[in-house]
Protein backbone atom coordinates (compact mmCIF):
# COMPACT_ATOMS: atom_id res chain seq x y z
CA MET A 1 30.09 22.25 -25.09
CA LEU A 2 32.29 20.27 -26.48
CA PRO A 3 31.71 20.80 -30.57
CA LYS A 4 30.07 17.92 -31.88
CA LYS A 5 32.53 17.05 -34.35
CA LEU A 6 35.32 17.87 -32.27
CA SER A 7 33.56 14.77 -29.38
CA ALA A 8 33.11 12.55 -32.80
CA GLN A 9 36.81 13.05 -33.79
CA ILE A 10 38.02 12.20 -30.11
CA ASN A 11 35.95 9.22 -30.34
CA LYS A 12 37.47 8.18 -33.69
CA ASN A 13 41.01 8.92 -32.69
CA HIS A 14 40.24 6.61 -29.69
CA PRO A 15 41.64 3.58 -30.79
CA TRP A 16 44.87 5.44 -31.87
CA ALA A 17 45.00 6.47 -27.93
CA VAL A 18 44.61 2.79 -26.61
CA ASN A 19 47.36 1.67 -28.95
CA THR A 20 49.99 4.89 -28.07
CA LEU A 21 49.05 3.86 -24.40
CA LYS A 22 49.71 -0.06 -25.18
CA LYS A 23 53.20 1.28 -26.72
CA TYR A 24 53.93 3.46 -24.32
CA LEU A 25 53.05 0.82 -20.96
CA SER A 26 55.45 -1.37 -22.50
CA ILE A 27 58.16 0.58 -21.72
CA PRO A 28 59.78 -0.10 -18.12
CA SER A 29 60.63 3.50 -17.04
CA VAL A 30 61.21 2.41 -13.76
CA SER A 31 63.47 5.65 -12.21
CA ALA A 32 64.28 3.73 -9.18
CA GLN A 33 65.68 1.08 -11.06
CA LYS A 34 67.41 3.63 -13.59
CA ARG A 35 65.72 1.83 -16.75
CA GLY A 36 63.61 2.96 -19.49
CA THR A 37 64.55 6.71 -19.62
CA ARG A 38 66.35 6.90 -23.27
CA GLU A 39 63.08 4.83 -24.39
CA SER A 40 60.53 7.05 -23.05
CA VAL A 41 62.36 10.06 -23.89
CA ARG A 42 62.45 8.78 -27.75
CA PHE A 43 58.78 7.37 -27.86
CA LEU A 44 57.51 10.84 -26.09
CA THR A 45 58.96 13.17 -28.47
CA GLY A 46 57.88 11.17 -31.30
CA ILE A 47 54.25 10.95 -30.16
CA LEU A 48 54.43 15.05 -28.97
CA ARG A 49 55.72 15.93 -32.40
CA GLN A 50 53.02 13.77 -33.99
CA CYS A 51 50.45 15.89 -32.11
CA GLY A 52 51.56 18.92 -33.56
CA LEU A 53 54.17 20.19 -30.65
CA LYS A 54 57.65 21.65 -30.77
CA VAL A 55 59.79 19.44 -28.31
CA ARG A 56 62.97 20.37 -26.40
CA VAL A 57 64.64 17.25 -24.72
CA ILE A 58 66.36 19.72 -22.07
CA LYS A 59 69.45 17.92 -20.14
CA THR A 60 69.53 17.80 -16.35
CA LYS A 61 72.10 17.11 -13.85
CA SER A 62 74.52 14.11 -15.10
CA GLY A 63 73.11 10.90 -14.99
CA HIS A 64 69.68 12.21 -14.39
CA PRO A 65 66.73 11.65 -16.65
CA PRO A 66 66.05 14.53 -18.64
CA VAL A 67 62.93 17.09 -18.83
CA ILE A 68 60.54 17.25 -21.69
CA TYR A 69 59.46 20.53 -22.70
CA ALA A 70 56.63 20.75 -25.45
CA GLU A 71 54.64 23.66 -26.85
CA LYS A 72 52.06 25.19 -29.13
CA THR A 73 51.31 28.53 -29.61
CA VAL A 74 48.40 29.14 -31.48
CA ASN A 75 47.87 33.35 -30.51
CA PRO A 76 50.34 35.03 -28.17
CA ARG A 77 47.40 36.84 -26.79
CA ALA A 78 45.16 33.33 -25.98
CA LYS A 79 45.08 31.98 -22.40
CA THR A 80 47.77 29.15 -22.35
CA ILE A 81 47.38 25.89 -20.07
CA LEU A 82 50.60 24.16 -18.69
CA PHE A 83 50.24 20.08 -18.57
CA TYR A 84 52.68 18.21 -16.08
CA ASN A 85 53.30 14.86 -16.75
CA HIS A 86 56.20 12.18 -15.80
CA TYR A 87 57.15 9.40 -17.38
CA ASP A 88 58.74 7.28 -14.43
CA VAL A 89 57.01 4.67 -12.93
CA GLN A 90 57.15 3.10 -9.60
CA PRO A 91 58.60 -0.57 -9.55
CA ALA A 92 56.33 -3.19 -10.75
CA GLU A 93 57.57 -5.71 -7.79
CA PRO A 94 55.90 -7.95 -6.47
CA LEU A 95 55.92 -9.37 -10.04
CA GLU A 96 53.92 -12.68 -9.08
CA LEU A 97 51.20 -10.85 -7.94
CA TRP A 98 50.19 -9.51 -11.49
CA THR A 99 47.65 -11.34 -13.86
CA THR A 100 49.50 -10.46 -16.68
CA PRO A 101 53.07 -8.87 -17.09
CA PRO A 102 53.15 -5.29 -15.44
CA PHE A 103 54.96 -4.05 -18.82
CA LYS A 104 52.56 -5.86 -21.41
CA ALA A 105 49.46 -4.19 -21.54
CA ALA A 106 46.48 -6.36 -21.06
CA ILE A 107 42.50 -5.57 -21.99
CA ARG A 108 40.06 -7.37 -19.87
CA ASN A 109 36.68 -6.25 -18.34
CA GLY A 110 36.73 -3.35 -20.12
CA LYS A 111 39.92 -2.03 -18.20
CA ILE A 112 43.72 -1.87 -19.53
CA PHE A 113 46.37 -3.29 -17.15
CA GLY A 114 49.67 -2.06 -16.68
CA ARG A 115 52.20 -0.48 -14.74
CA GLY A 116 51.82 3.68 -15.33
CA ALA A 117 48.26 2.98 -16.59
CA SER A 118 46.71 5.35 -14.07
CA ASP A 119 50.11 6.73 -12.68
CA ASN A 120 50.69 8.61 -14.67
CA LYS A 121 50.87 7.29 -18.55
CA GLY A 122 47.25 7.23 -19.09
CA ASN A 123 46.72 10.73 -18.21
CA LEU A 124 48.91 12.24 -20.37
CA ILE A 125 47.78 10.47 -23.41
CA THR A 126 44.26 11.73 -22.92
CA ARG A 127 45.78 14.84 -23.21
CA LEU A 128 47.62 14.00 -26.18
CA ASN A 129 44.40 12.85 -27.91
CA ALA A 130 42.38 15.54 -27.18
CA ILE A 131 45.20 18.05 -28.93
CA LYS A 132 45.46 16.03 -31.68
CA SER A 133 41.88 15.79 -31.99
CA PHE A 134 41.27 19.64 -32.32
CA HIS A 135 44.08 19.13 -35.36
CA ASP A 136 42.40 16.36 -36.90
CA ALA A 137 38.89 17.40 -36.69
CA GLY A 138 40.36 20.94 -38.48
CA LEU A 139 39.85 22.87 -35.45
CA GLU A 140 42.37 25.51 -33.86
CA LEU A 141 43.21 25.01 -30.42
CA PRO A 142 41.38 27.58 -28.43
CA VAL A 143 44.52 28.12 -26.07
CA ASN A 144 48.08 27.72 -25.93
CA VAL A 145 49.60 24.43 -24.41
CA LYS A 146 52.97 23.59 -23.01
CA PHE A 147 54.04 20.50 -21.32
CA VAL A 148 56.68 19.59 -18.61
CA LEU A 149 57.27 15.94 -18.63
CA GLU A 150 59.89 14.63 -16.02
CA GLY A 151 61.48 11.32 -15.57
CA GLU A 152 62.29 10.97 -11.21
CA GLU A 153 58.71 11.73 -10.08
CA GLU A 154 58.58 8.82 -8.61
CA VAL A 155 62.22 9.43 -6.85
CA GLY A 156 61.68 12.76 -5.24
CA SER A 157 61.89 15.06 -8.57
CA ARG A 158 65.52 15.56 -7.76
CA SER A 159 66.38 17.88 -10.89
CA LEU A 160 63.10 19.79 -11.50
CA PRO A 161 63.74 22.35 -8.93
CA LEU A 162 66.54 23.50 -10.95
CA PHE A 163 65.07 23.30 -14.09
CA MET A 164 62.18 25.63 -12.95
CA LYS A 165 64.54 27.94 -11.65
CA LYS A 166 66.04 28.31 -14.87
CA TYR A 167 63.19 28.31 -17.29
CA ARG A 168 60.31 29.82 -15.30
CA LYS A 169 59.49 32.46 -18.03
CA MET A 170 59.25 29.51 -20.37
CA ILE A 171 56.70 27.70 -18.50
CA ALA A 172 54.84 30.30 -17.74
CA ALA A 173 50.96 29.57 -18.03
CA ASP A 174 47.47 30.96 -16.76
CA MET A 175 46.50 27.16 -15.42
CA CYS A 176 47.97 23.47 -14.75
CA ILE A 177 46.66 20.36 -15.32
CA TRP A 178 48.25 18.11 -12.59
CA GLU A 179 49.34 14.60 -13.18
CA LEU A 180 46.03 12.56 -12.34
CA GLY A 181 43.47 12.46 -10.84
CA PHE A 182 40.24 10.22 -10.10
CA HIS A 183 36.70 9.89 -9.69
CA ASP A 184 35.04 8.21 -6.47
CA GLU A 185 32.78 4.79 -6.14
CA ASN A 186 29.93 6.18 -7.78
CA GLY A 187 31.98 7.57 -11.00
CA ARG A 188 31.81 11.45 -9.73
CA PRO A 189 34.89 13.33 -10.73
CA LYS A 190 36.95 14.51 -8.26
CA LEU A 191 38.74 17.78 -8.52
CA SER A 192 41.86 18.07 -6.05
CA LEU A 193 43.66 21.47 -5.40
CA GLY A 194 46.79 20.46 -4.37
CA CYS A 195 49.16 18.00 -2.46
CA LYS A 196 50.43 17.35 0.62
CA GLY A 197 53.95 17.46 1.42
CA ILE A 198 56.05 14.53 2.38
CA ILE A 199 59.82 13.59 3.99
CA HIS A 200 60.53 10.20 3.78
CA THR A 201 63.64 8.87 5.97
CA GLU A 202 65.27 6.31 7.73
CA LEU A 203 65.91 6.40 11.87
CA THR A 204 68.86 4.35 12.13
CA THR A 205 71.11 2.99 15.31
CA ARG A 206 73.92 0.38 16.05
CA THR A 207 75.26 -1.02 19.14
CA THR A 208 78.11 -3.57 18.84
CA ARG A 209 80.66 -4.36 16.35
CA THR A 210 78.87 -7.72 15.22
CA ASP A 211 75.64 -9.87 15.89
CA LEU A 212 75.56 -11.51 19.23
CA HIS A 213 73.86 -14.46 20.71
CA SER A 214 70.72 -13.11 21.89
CA SER A 215 71.60 -14.75 25.42
CA LEU A 216 73.53 -11.56 25.91
CA GLY A 217 70.55 -9.51 25.48
CA ILE A 218 70.24 -9.14 29.07
CA ILE A 219 73.45 -7.36 29.52
CA VAL A 220 73.93 -5.85 25.73
CA PRO A 221 71.46 -2.74 24.50
CA ASN A 222 69.32 -4.29 21.67
CA PRO A 223 69.12 -1.37 18.46
CA ALA A 224 65.96 -2.63 17.70
CA TRP A 225 64.40 -1.97 20.92
CA ARG A 226 66.22 1.71 20.91
CA LEU A 227 64.18 2.26 17.82
CA ALA A 228 60.97 0.81 19.42
CA TRP A 229 61.44 3.10 22.25
CA ALA A 230 61.81 6.01 20.06
CA LEU A 231 59.22 5.24 17.69
CA ASN A 232 56.95 5.23 20.89
CA SER A 233 58.11 8.42 21.97
CA LEU A 234 57.32 9.82 18.70
CA LYS A 235 53.80 9.33 18.16
CA GLY A 236 50.48 7.69 21.12
CA ALA A 237 47.88 5.43 20.62
CA ASP A 238 45.64 8.61 20.71
CA GLU A 239 47.51 8.80 17.18
CA ARG A 240 49.09 12.19 17.90
CA ILE A 241 52.44 13.10 17.05
CA ARG A 242 54.43 14.01 19.94
CA ILE A 243 57.12 15.92 18.50
CA LYS A 244 57.12 19.69 20.16
CA GLY A 245 55.44 22.13 17.75
CA PHE A 246 54.98 19.76 15.18
CA TYR A 247 51.44 20.97 14.68
CA GLN A 248 52.45 24.93 15.23
CA HIS A 249 51.87 26.04 11.38
CA VAL A 250 49.05 23.43 10.70
CA ARG A 251 46.31 26.21 9.41
CA ARG A 252 42.91 26.28 10.71
CA LEU A 253 39.76 25.71 8.60
CA ASP A 254 37.97 28.33 7.34
CA ARG A 255 34.53 29.29 5.93
CA LEU A 256 35.31 27.78 2.31
CA ASP A 257 37.06 24.73 4.05
CA ARG A 258 34.25 23.78 5.90
CA LYS A 259 31.80 24.51 3.25
CA VAL A 260 33.93 21.90 1.17
CA VAL A 261 34.05 19.18 3.45
CA ARG A 262 30.30 19.34 3.84
CA GLN A 263 30.10 18.23 -0.16
CA ILE A 264 32.77 15.71 -0.21
CA SER A 265 30.95 11.98 -0.53
CA PHE A 266 32.79 9.03 1.01
CA ASP A 267 31.32 5.38 0.78
CA GLU A 268 32.88 4.60 4.44
CA LYS A 269 30.74 1.13 4.77
CA LYS A 270 32.18 0.09 1.16
CA LYS A 271 35.78 1.29 1.58
CA LEU A 272 36.15 -0.49 4.98
CA LYS A 273 34.71 -3.52 3.30
CA GLU A 274 37.48 -3.24 0.50
CA LEU A 275 39.98 -2.70 2.83
CA GLY A 276 39.06 -5.51 4.84
CA LEU A 277 38.58 -3.36 8.40
CA LYS A 278 36.07 -2.87 11.19
CA LYS A 279 37.09 0.84 11.35
CA PHE A 280 39.32 3.53 10.62
CA VAL A 281 41.75 5.24 12.96
CA LEU A 282 40.35 6.38 16.58
CA GLY A 283 36.93 4.71 15.24
CA LEU A 284 36.24 8.29 12.89
CA LYS A 285 33.51 8.61 11.31
CA GLY A 286 31.41 11.19 8.85
CA LYS A 287 32.86 14.63 8.25
CA ALA A 288 35.36 14.46 11.23
CA LEU A 289 36.86 11.47 9.15
CA ILE A 290 37.31 13.37 6.20
CA GLN A 291 38.54 16.39 7.54
CA ARG A 292 41.20 14.45 9.16
CA PHE A 293 42.14 12.56 5.76
CA TYR A 294 42.57 16.11 4.11
CA TYR A 295 43.55 18.94 6.55
CA GLN A 296 46.28 16.64 9.03
CA PRO A 297 49.50 15.32 8.83
CA ALA A 298 50.51 12.35 9.37
CA LEU A 299 53.67 9.86 10.49
CA ASN A 300 54.07 6.52 9.12
CA ILE A 301 56.00 3.43 9.59
CA ASN A 302 57.36 2.48 5.96
CA GLY A 303 59.77 -0.78 7.18
CA LEU A 304 61.63 -2.17 10.16
CA ILE A 305 64.98 -3.88 9.43
CA GLY A 306 67.21 -5.29 12.10
CA GLY A 307 67.99 -8.94 12.85
CA TYR A 308 66.92 -12.52 11.12
CA GLN A 309 64.50 -12.12 8.65
CA GLY A 310 64.43 -15.51 7.43
CA LYS A 311 61.71 -18.88 7.55
CA GLY A 312 61.93 -20.09 11.82
CA ASN A 313 63.69 -18.62 14.14
CA LYS A 314 67.32 -17.52 14.94
CA THR A 315 68.31 -16.50 18.14
CA VAL A 316 70.43 -13.26 17.54
CA LEU A 317 71.36 -10.09 18.91
CA PRO A 318 71.40 -7.89 15.99
CA LYS A 319 74.33 -5.06 15.84
CA GLU A 320 72.15 -2.54 14.01
CA ALA A 321 68.36 -1.63 12.84
CA ALA A 322 66.41 0.88 11.14
CA ILE A 323 63.18 2.27 10.82
CA LYS A 324 61.84 3.60 7.34
CA ILE A 325 59.35 6.40 8.02
CA ASP A 326 57.65 9.09 6.06
CA PHE A 327 55.84 12.43 7.43
CA ARG A 328 52.43 13.77 5.12
CA LEU A 329 52.76 17.54 5.49
CA VAL A 330 49.56 19.93 5.50
CA PRO A 331 50.23 23.32 3.93
CA ASN A 332 52.01 25.87 6.12
CA GLN A 333 54.37 23.01 7.70
CA ASN A 334 57.90 23.07 5.92
CA PRO A 335 59.84 19.77 5.69
CA THR A 336 63.31 21.71 6.82
CA ASP A 337 61.42 23.02 10.10
CA ILE A 338 59.98 19.00 10.88
CA LEU A 339 63.25 17.56 10.20
CA LYS A 340 64.45 20.10 13.08
CA LYS A 341 61.97 18.94 15.35
CA LEU A 342 62.24 15.24 14.59
CA ARG A 343 65.83 15.65 15.95
CA ARG A 344 65.50 17.71 19.06
CA HIS A 345 62.64 15.39 20.10
CA LEU A 346 65.14 12.80 19.99
CA ASP A 347 68.01 14.56 21.69
CA ARG A 348 65.59 15.66 24.26
CA GLU A 349 64.13 12.17 24.88
CA GLY A 350 67.50 10.42 25.00
CA PHE A 351 67.88 8.83 21.85
CA LYS A 352 71.23 10.89 20.85
CA ASP A 353 72.45 7.84 19.25
CA ILE A 354 69.77 7.27 16.76
CA GLY A 355 70.56 8.66 13.16
CA ILE A 356 68.17 10.12 10.69
CA LYS A 357 69.80 9.13 7.08
CA ASP A 358 68.63 9.92 3.90
CA ALA A 359 66.16 12.67 4.39
CA THR A 360 64.07 13.93 1.28
CA GLY A 361 61.11 15.28 0.68
CA TYR A 362 59.24 18.47 -0.34
CA PRO A 363 56.84 20.89 1.08
CA PRO A 364 52.61 21.05 0.44
CA ALA A 365 51.05 23.10 -1.78
CA ARG A 366 47.67 24.31 -2.68
CA THR A 367 45.37 26.14 -5.06
CA PRO A 368 43.34 28.11 -2.99
CA LEU A 369 39.41 27.16 -3.06
CA ASN A 370 37.99 30.84 -4.33
CA ASN A 371 40.73 30.69 -7.05
CA GLN A 372 38.92 32.15 -10.47
CA TYR A 373 39.25 28.60 -12.58
CA VAL A 374 38.23 26.34 -9.96
CA LYS A 375 34.49 26.95 -11.25
CA LEU A 376 35.92 26.55 -14.64
CA VAL A 377 37.41 23.24 -14.19
CA ALA A 378 34.92 21.75 -12.38
CA GLU A 379 32.11 22.56 -14.80
CA ALA A 380 33.91 21.10 -17.48
CA GLN A 381 34.13 17.76 -15.57
CA THR A 382 30.50 18.11 -14.40
CA LYS A 383 29.58 18.26 -18.20
CA ILE A 384 31.68 15.42 -19.48
CA TYR A 385 30.94 13.00 -16.75
CA GLY A 386 27.21 14.17 -16.17
CA LYS A 387 27.87 14.05 -12.55
CA ARG A 388 28.70 17.16 -10.37
CA ALA A 389 32.36 17.37 -9.75
CA MET A 390 33.37 16.91 -6.05
CA ILE A 391 35.99 19.57 -4.89
CA GLU A 392 38.80 18.32 -3.23
CA PRO A 393 41.10 20.56 -1.10
CA LEU A 394 43.91 18.26 -1.04
CA PHE A 395 45.34 14.73 -2.95
CA ALA A 396 46.26 12.88 -0.16
CA ALA A 397 49.39 11.81 -2.12
CA SER A 398 52.77 13.87 -2.47
CA GLY A 399 54.16 15.84 -5.96
CA PRO A 400 56.43 18.40 -6.52
CA MET A 401 53.47 20.51 -7.33
CA TYR A 402 54.88 23.25 -4.43
CA LEU A 403 57.09 24.50 -7.60
CA PHE A 404 54.37 25.37 -9.63
CA THR A 405 51.68 26.95 -7.16
CA PRO A 406 53.49 30.25 -6.91
CA LEU A 407 53.54 30.34 -11.04
CA MET A 408 50.11 29.24 -11.53
CA PRO A 409 46.74 27.53 -10.25
CA CYS A 410 47.23 23.74 -10.65
CA PHE A 411 44.46 20.99 -10.98
CA CYS A 412 44.65 17.78 -10.24
CA GLU A 413 42.22 15.81 -12.90
CA GLY A 414 42.64 12.56 -14.48
CA VAL A 415 40.85 9.02 -15.38
CA GLY A 416 41.84 7.12 -12.28
CA HIS A 417 39.11 5.28 -10.02
CA PRO A 418 38.82 3.87 -6.76
CA ALA A 419 40.53 0.69 -7.51
CA SER A 420 43.20 1.72 -10.19
CA ASN A 421 45.98 -0.12 -7.86
CA ILE A 422 48.47 3.01 -8.60
CA HIS A 423 51.89 1.49 -6.97
CA ALA A 424 50.19 -1.96 -6.62
CA PRO A 425 49.77 -4.89 -8.93
CA ASP A 426 47.53 -4.77 -11.71
CA GLU A 427 47.28 -1.39 -11.94
CA ASN A 428 44.50 0.00 -14.07
CA ILE A 429 42.03 2.21 -15.39
CA TYR A 430 38.61 2.05 -17.44
CA LEU A 431 38.67 2.48 -20.92
CA LYS A 432 35.67 4.72 -20.92
CA ASP A 433 37.38 6.88 -18.73
CA PHE A 434 40.14 6.77 -20.89
CA LEU A 435 37.97 8.27 -23.70
CA LEU A 436 35.94 10.82 -21.07
CA GLY A 437 39.46 11.92 -20.25
CA ALA A 438 40.15 13.35 -23.62
CA LYS A 439 37.15 14.99 -23.78
CA CYS A 440 37.17 16.71 -20.17
CA ILE A 441 40.66 17.98 -21.21
CA ALA A 442 38.91 19.24 -24.73
CA GLU A 443 36.32 20.79 -22.65
CA ILE A 444 38.48 22.42 -20.21
CA MET A 445 40.56 24.05 -23.16
CA ASN A 446 37.25 25.18 -24.69
CA LYS A 447 35.97 26.95 -21.53
CA LEU A 448 39.59 28.53 -21.24
CA GLY A 449 39.71 29.82 -23.97
CA GLY A 450 36.46 31.64 -24.06
CA SER A 451 37.01 32.51 -20.45
CA LYS A 452 37.24 36.25 -19.85
CA ILE A 453 38.75 35.89 -16.32
């Protein structure tokens, strides 16, 4: 149980944490636009040192944002917890949809708004508030702590694999608290044990040297139609992906998986209303819907490019067209294998002219449901939030967790909520969650420090 002295100190440090987060949110650290890296590194190294940690800024490939590594060792024989976070954020556009500027933190209705509030800056500050509060209360940390903070997560963590290969001994720990997490519509904290993998790529084709008058479409092939037909071959109205062997390595649910599915709560009516939908795909409901969400892979269309995009009409036959897609992968699926199967499928279906461009991504990752630390983290969440933690087999989005799970169990835990709007305008977290998040991290560290596992 969290000592009263420590809980009081976290309350006392809350204004410091809010002020620190506001400053952090003001840094436009958009990796896709190559902004804010130097400012973020300067800011974070100062805050980390203020919290009593030793800091190293480790350069990656030329021109890529560095990895910040920080640590504090209280006892070589004590348990060690690693925190993975990233200091880059998604682009804030479209700017006109923000109520207040995305890089000028605003507080209203009990929330703090700004790009990165939930993904992922708010979570990092809760972890630092917990560590600082131990020190300020005159209490020794119950565990050794380490931080890995990267600046490329939102663009595919390009430099992280080499960093992990070179420094795997340095980052060794008993467990990792992953970048972010959420509670559900009823305030029940979620504990996610993994991430889906991802491939994002672009399918392209070109037919003529230049755009043409659309009257020629009766005798000249249209690249947009080529891509439309190719897409139709990839996935049917039954939502089944038609690539041969695509589902070959998707693992079947075991007894523990089915048990977890039964304890996951999901307010379907509320979510449908929030999304403006009448039903989910295939009309799925209940456990079938939950099982599909967590355990099945997906193919999504992200963007269609080709021809005239302006106002009004233009009767043009485009010379080229492209479609941006992504695959979300589940455990045991491999991005390299899926890309090979995609290429073979297109060739077999008569679409050798369609190219696969800029394919990037990474595998899924998952901590086993029966891992020895699952109960420890869930009990800490339950204690602080006053509601039984809900265990999720996977976080439905993706991240480079696959680099960490071979070394240690990873747990997604954080201060987001269902309307945090990550990657969207008016991203936010509740200030009360921001405070509880620091207490939850402190409770996890206390439990880990006293664990006999």
